[in-house]
Protein backbone atom coordinates (compact mmCIF):
# COMPACT_ATOMS: atom_id res chain seq x y z
CA MET A 1 33.90 31.91 117.29
CA GLY A 2 31.15 31.41 114.62
CA LYS A 3 27.90 33.12 113.66
CA VAL A 4 25.52 34.71 116.87
CA VAL A 5 21.72 34.62 116.05
CA ALA A 6 19.44 37.10 117.91
CA SER A 7 15.93 36.09 118.52
CA LYS A 8 13.73 38.74 120.26
CA ASN A 9 9.24 38.66 121.57
CA ASP A 10 8.14 40.94 123.53
CA HIS A 11 8.81 39.26 126.72
CA LEU A 12 12.53 37.81 125.57
CA SER A 13 15.84 38.24 123.71
CA VAL A 14 17.39 35.77 123.64
CA THR A 15 21.22 34.88 121.26
CA SER A 16 22.37 31.70 120.46
CA SER A 17 25.60 30.34 118.11
CA THR A 18 26.24 28.53 115.52
CA VAL A 19 28.90 26.68 117.60
CA GLY A 20 27.15 23.79 119.67
CA ALA A 21 23.71 25.77 118.37
CA GLU A 22 24.43 26.90 122.48
CA LEU A 23 22.30 29.80 123.84
CA GLN A 24 24.48 32.36 124.34
CA SER A 25 21.95 34.75 126.64
CA ILE A 26 18.76 34.60 127.84
CA CYS A 27 17.51 38.42 128.99
CA SER A 28 14.00 39.17 129.86
CA ALA A 29 12.03 42.42 128.90
CA ASP A 30 12.74 43.85 132.83
CA GLY A 31 16.63 43.51 132.39
CA ILE A 32 17.28 40.55 133.99
CA SER A 33 19.95 38.57 132.53
CA TYR A 34 18.91 34.60 133.27
CA LEU A 35 21.51 33.06 131.64
CA TRP A 36 25.16 32.12 132.45
CA ASN A 37 27.62 34.65 130.96
CA GLY A 38 30.29 31.34 130.27
CA ASP A 39 33.09 33.41 132.74
CA PRO A 40 35.90 30.67 132.09
CA ARG A 41 36.88 31.35 136.36
CA TYR A 42 34.38 29.13 136.79
CA TRP A 43 32.88 27.37 133.70
CA GLY A 44 32.86 28.20 130.05
CA GLY A 45 29.90 26.88 128.98
CA ARG A 46 26.54 28.29 128.86
CA ALA A 47 24.27 25.60 128.03
CA PRO A 48 25.64 23.01 125.58
CA ASN A 49 23.64 20.45 123.55
CA LEU A 50 24.98 17.16 124.49
CA PHE A 51 25.08 14.48 121.71
CA PRO A 52 25.14 11.84 120.58
CA PHE A 53 25.58 10.72 124.15
CA VAL A 54 25.45 12.42 127.81
CA GLY A 55 27.70 12.25 129.86
CA ALA A 56 31.01 10.38 129.81
CA LEU A 57 31.77 6.61 128.32
CA ARG A 58 34.34 4.33 130.29
CA ASN A 59 37.57 5.77 129.21
CA GLY A 60 36.00 7.66 126.28
CA ARG A 61 34.98 4.21 124.27
CA ALA A 62 32.70 2.01 123.55
CA GLN A 63 31.84 -1.29 120.77
CA SER A 64 28.44 -0.88 118.92
CA ALA A 65 27.34 -2.80 116.20
CA GLN A 66 29.38 -0.39 113.26
CA GLY A 67 32.43 -0.54 115.24
CA GLU A 68 33.80 1.21 118.26
CA ILE A 69 32.63 4.26 119.39
CA VAL A 70 35.08 7.02 120.45
CA LEU A 71 33.64 10.17 122.21
CA PRO A 72 34.61 13.28 124.49
CA ARG A 73 32.54 13.54 127.46
CA HIS A 74 28.98 14.63 126.01
CA GLY A 75 30.14 13.91 122.94
CA PHE A 76 31.05 16.19 120.15
CA GLY A 77 27.60 17.99 119.19
CA ARG A 78 28.71 20.80 121.62
CA LYS A 79 31.73 21.99 120.21
CA ALA A 80 30.17 21.40 116.41
CA GLU A 81 29.52 23.93 113.69
CA PHE A 82 26.20 23.93 113.29
CA ALA A 83 24.46 25.62 110.22
CA VAL A 84 21.74 27.82 110.26
CA GLU A 85 19.11 26.10 108.43
CA THR A 86 16.27 28.78 109.47
CA GLU A 87 15.74 31.82 111.47
CA ASN A 88 12.37 33.94 112.27
CA PRO A 89 12.59 36.93 114.27
CA ASP A 90 11.75 34.73 117.43
CA SER A 91 12.63 31.63 116.21
CA VAL A 92 16.12 29.53 114.85
CA THR A 93 16.68 26.28 113.76
CA TYR A 94 20.06 24.69 113.70
CA ARG A 95 21.18 21.69 111.48
CA LEU A 96 24.20 19.41 112.27
CA GLU A 97 25.10 16.40 109.56
CA SER A 98 27.65 13.42 109.45
CA THR A 99 30.42 14.03 108.13
CA GLU A 100 33.89 11.57 107.35
CA GLU A 101 35.41 12.72 110.25
CA THR A 102 32.41 12.36 112.83
CA ARG A 103 32.28 9.09 111.44
CA LYS A 104 35.79 8.07 112.73
CA ALA A 105 34.57 8.81 116.14
CA TYR A 106 30.73 7.78 115.67
CA PRO A 107 30.26 5.09 112.64
CA TYR A 108 26.67 6.22 112.10
CA ASP A 109 24.33 9.27 109.54
CA PHE A 110 22.73 11.14 111.40
CA ILE A 111 20.68 14.79 110.91
CA PHE A 112 20.96 16.37 114.50
CA ARG A 113 18.81 19.67 114.51
CA VAL A 114 18.09 21.73 117.19
CA THR A 115 15.64 24.74 117.21
CA HIS A 116 15.28 27.48 119.79
CA ALA A 117 12.05 29.19 119.61
CA LEU A 118 10.03 31.88 122.13
CA LYS A 119 6.56 32.34 123.27
CA GLU A 120 5.57 35.37 125.48
CA ASN A 121 8.10 34.25 128.18
CA THR A 122 9.02 31.08 127.73
CA LEU A 123 11.91 29.34 125.33
CA THR A 124 11.80 25.72 123.98
CA THR A 125 14.48 24.19 122.85
CA VAL A 126 13.50 21.30 120.35
CA TYR A 127 15.96 18.33 119.51
CA ARG A 128 15.14 16.53 116.26
CA VAL A 129 17.71 13.30 115.49
CA THR A 130 16.77 11.59 111.72
CA ASN A 131 18.81 8.49 110.63
CA PRO A 132 19.66 9.00 106.90
CA GLY A 133 21.29 6.04 106.91
CA LYS A 134 21.06 2.15 106.25
CA VAL A 135 21.49 0.80 110.08
CA ASP A 136 20.12 1.57 113.59
CA LEU A 137 20.75 4.78 114.61
CA PRO A 138 21.63 4.42 118.60
CA PHE A 139 22.12 7.80 120.75
CA CYS A 140 20.33 10.15 123.78
CA VAL A 141 20.47 13.92 123.83
CA GLY A 142 20.36 16.07 126.57
CA GLY A 143 20.63 19.96 127.42
CA HIS A 144 23.08 21.66 130.08
CA PRO A 145 21.57 25.04 130.62
CA ALA A 146 23.20 27.15 133.72
CA PHE A 147 21.23 30.06 135.17
CA HIS A 148 22.95 33.17 137.02
CA VAL A 149 22.55 32.48 140.96
CA PRO A 150 22.02 35.14 142.77
CA LEU A 151 19.79 36.88 139.59
CA VAL A 152 18.90 40.15 141.55
CA PRO A 153 21.35 42.19 143.17
CA GLY A 154 21.19 41.68 147.25
CA GLU A 155 20.42 37.97 147.23
CA GLN A 156 22.33 35.49 148.21
CA TYR A 157 23.17 31.49 146.41
CA GLU A 158 21.53 29.94 149.33
CA ASP A 159 18.54 31.88 148.88
CA TYR A 160 17.46 29.74 145.98
CA ARG A 161 15.23 26.98 146.00
CA ILE A 162 14.72 23.80 143.47
CA GLU A 163 10.86 22.79 143.66
CA PHE A 164 9.33 20.09 142.20
CA PRO A 165 5.62 19.55 141.63
CA GLU A 166 4.61 16.21 143.26
CA LYS A 167 6.55 14.12 146.31
CA GLU A 168 10.09 13.52 145.61
CA THR A 169 12.30 10.77 147.40
CA ILE A 170 16.04 11.19 145.85
CA ASN A 171 18.41 8.79 146.11
CA SER A 172 21.20 10.58 143.69
CA PRO A 173 23.94 8.01 142.67
CA GLN A 174 27.24 9.24 143.39
CA VAL A 175 30.48 10.56 140.23
CA ASP A 176 33.61 8.74 139.91
CA ILE A 177 34.55 12.44 138.99
CA GLU A 178 37.54 11.70 137.89
CA ALA A 179 36.33 8.87 135.11
CA GLY A 180 32.99 10.85 134.83
CA LEU A 181 31.12 7.74 135.41
CA ILE A 182 27.98 7.12 137.63
CA MET A 183 28.02 4.64 140.59
CA ASP A 184 25.28 3.21 140.77
CA HIS A 185 25.95 0.74 143.62
CA LYS A 186 26.69 3.85 145.60
CA ARG A 187 23.90 6.21 146.48
CA ASN A 188 23.05 9.66 148.82
CA ARG A 189 19.77 10.38 149.86
CA LEU A 190 18.70 13.95 149.05
CA MET A 191 15.67 13.89 150.27
CA THR A 192 12.59 12.16 151.08
CA ASP A 193 9.60 12.19 150.58
CA GLY A 194 9.61 16.30 149.90
CA THR A 195 9.01 19.00 147.10
CA SER A 196 12.25 21.03 147.45
CA PHE A 197 15.81 21.35 148.84
CA ARG A 198 17.82 24.90 149.40
CA LEU A 199 20.94 25.09 147.00
CA ASN A 200 23.99 25.41 148.99
CA HIS A 201 27.62 25.06 147.28
CA ILE A 202 28.45 21.71 149.53
CA LEU A 203 25.87 19.71 147.80
CA PHE A 204 28.23 19.67 144.77
CA ARG A 205 31.42 18.65 145.97
CA GLY A 206 31.10 15.42 144.84
CA ASP A 207 29.93 16.79 141.28
CA ALA A 208 25.98 16.61 139.84
CA ILE A 209 23.09 15.23 141.62
CA VAL A 210 21.79 13.17 139.23
CA MET A 211 18.34 12.42 139.30
CA ASP A 212 17.23 8.71 137.78
CA ASP A 213 13.97 7.87 139.26
CA LEU A 214 12.46 11.70 139.33
CA ARG A 215 8.24 11.31 139.26
CA SER A 216 8.43 14.59 138.13
CA ARG A 217 8.67 15.87 134.96
CA SER A 218 9.32 20.14 135.96
CA VAL A 219 11.39 22.08 137.92
CA ARG A 220 11.20 25.45 139.37
CA LEU A 221 14.88 27.10 140.69
CA VAL A 222 13.24 29.99 142.70
CA SER A 223 14.06 32.96 145.07
CA ASP A 224 12.85 33.37 148.42
CA LYS A 225 13.79 36.75 148.28
CA SER A 226 13.21 37.94 144.85
CA GLY A 227 10.67 35.41 143.65
CA HIS A 228 12.72 35.42 140.65
CA GLY A 229 13.57 32.16 138.63
CA VAL A 230 12.59 29.67 136.21
CA GLN A 231 10.79 26.93 135.55
CA MET A 232 11.92 23.92 133.43
CA ASP A 233 9.49 21.69 131.86
CA PHE A 234 11.09 18.27 130.37
CA GLU A 235 8.03 15.83 129.45
CA GLY A 236 9.73 13.07 127.22
CA MET A 237 13.47 13.00 129.16
CA ASP A 238 13.57 10.69 131.98
CA TYR A 239 16.63 11.82 133.53
CA PHE A 240 17.62 15.40 134.87
CA ALA A 241 20.41 16.69 137.12
CA VAL A 242 21.59 19.92 139.02
CA TRP A 243 25.09 20.71 139.30
CA SER A 244 27.47 23.35 139.77
CA PRO A 245 31.25 23.17 139.94
CA PHE A 246 32.32 23.02 144.04
CA ALA A 247 34.06 26.80 143.70
CA ASP A 248 31.30 28.96 144.97
CA SER A 249 30.21 29.33 141.38
CA PRO A 250 27.62 31.53 141.04
CA PHE A 251 25.26 29.89 138.80
CA VAL A 252 23.65 26.14 138.64
CA CYS A 253 22.78 23.74 135.52
CA LEU A 254 19.44 22.50 135.01
CA GLU A 255 20.07 19.72 132.61
CA PRO A 256 17.30 17.91 131.34
CA TRP A 257 18.76 14.26 129.59
CA THR A 258 17.24 11.04 127.58
CA GLY A 259 20.04 9.22 128.92
CA THR A 260 23.28 9.36 131.34
CA ALA A 261 26.66 8.93 131.60
CA THR A 262 28.28 5.31 131.57
CA GLN A 263 27.00 3.32 134.62
CA TYR A 264 29.77 1.13 136.70
CA SER A 265 27.19 -1.80 136.09
CA GLU A 266 26.65 -1.13 132.53
CA ASP A 267 29.08 -3.33 129.92
CA ASP A 268 30.70 -0.85 127.32
CA VAL A 269 28.64 -2.17 124.49
CA PHE A 270 27.17 1.30 123.34
CA GLU A 271 23.52 0.33 122.48
CA HIS A 272 23.13 -1.40 126.30
CA LYS A 273 24.00 1.94 127.94
CA GLN A 274 20.85 3.72 130.47
CA GLY A 275 18.47 5.60 128.41
CA ILE A 276 20.09 4.77 124.53
CA ARG A 277 17.63 5.20 121.72
CA ILE A 278 17.68 3.17 118.79
CA LEU A 279 16.05 4.94 115.40
CA ALA A 280 15.52 2.93 112.55
CA PRO A 281 16.33 3.83 108.87
CA GLY A 282 14.07 6.95 107.91
CA GLU A 283 12.85 7.44 110.96
CA ASP A 284 12.91 11.06 113.45
CA TYR A 285 12.76 11.26 117.05
CA GLN A 286 11.77 14.33 118.28
CA VAL A 287 11.98 15.41 122.30
CA SER A 288 11.91 19.18 123.79
CA TYR A 289 12.13 21.41 126.80
CA THR A 290 11.14 24.55 127.55
CA ILE A 291 12.56 27.50 130.49
CA THR A 292 10.19 29.63 130.82
CA LEU A 293 11.11 32.86 132.93
CA PHE A 294 9.27 34.87 136.28
């Protein structure tokens, strides 16, 4: 089960777990529970941290400069037991290091830190990757937090919209649900020169809405009725997805990524995957996203 760590300030109360460094709850001072509760009838996750890959490899495998990589969907970080490196009243940093076991699946040395920090009504999640090894480290990272929809009684799923600060034309690549791969040669036009779309479960019958050409680096999930919702800012993360299981699930995931699942058009070399970062020995890489509640 792991250890649960509580963080708090005057505006927010947050819990997170050493398993996956995953957020377990986000509650506002006025009692609204924002983060999905992990009800397994719909989806047992809450806010997985995706490392060292986002999405699926073709047949779960890829070749790399250091040999074969064999990873489950979204990598192994989301299921791993992290150590608590630092803990303060309003923040916590988790640490995961490579082991003999991880190197069997992913033949690289790494240190992966996840920090959750509160400031007023904003929660920032920071990903920091360090390469302690002697060879280049290829990886990508991503967030997968899910939010209750609706947030308050008396609302419906369809009362909520996804809003962008800039006008967007979204041509979302289709997803091979069975394989988890991105069919980049087949796309669905979701929006043309618009700034918002309304939630509807039918949107997700083809799996996630993957956005690989957004101008915006911020989105808002907002209710037309109560005005409650969340704003997510993800500067430095080039890809974004919105997902909910096609089963009338009462939540939606907002997912900022630095890379994506394997595309149909790609080969099976790990370093060639869309969005892969290459970290030289001794270097650090850091990226973050914020969740602001209203």
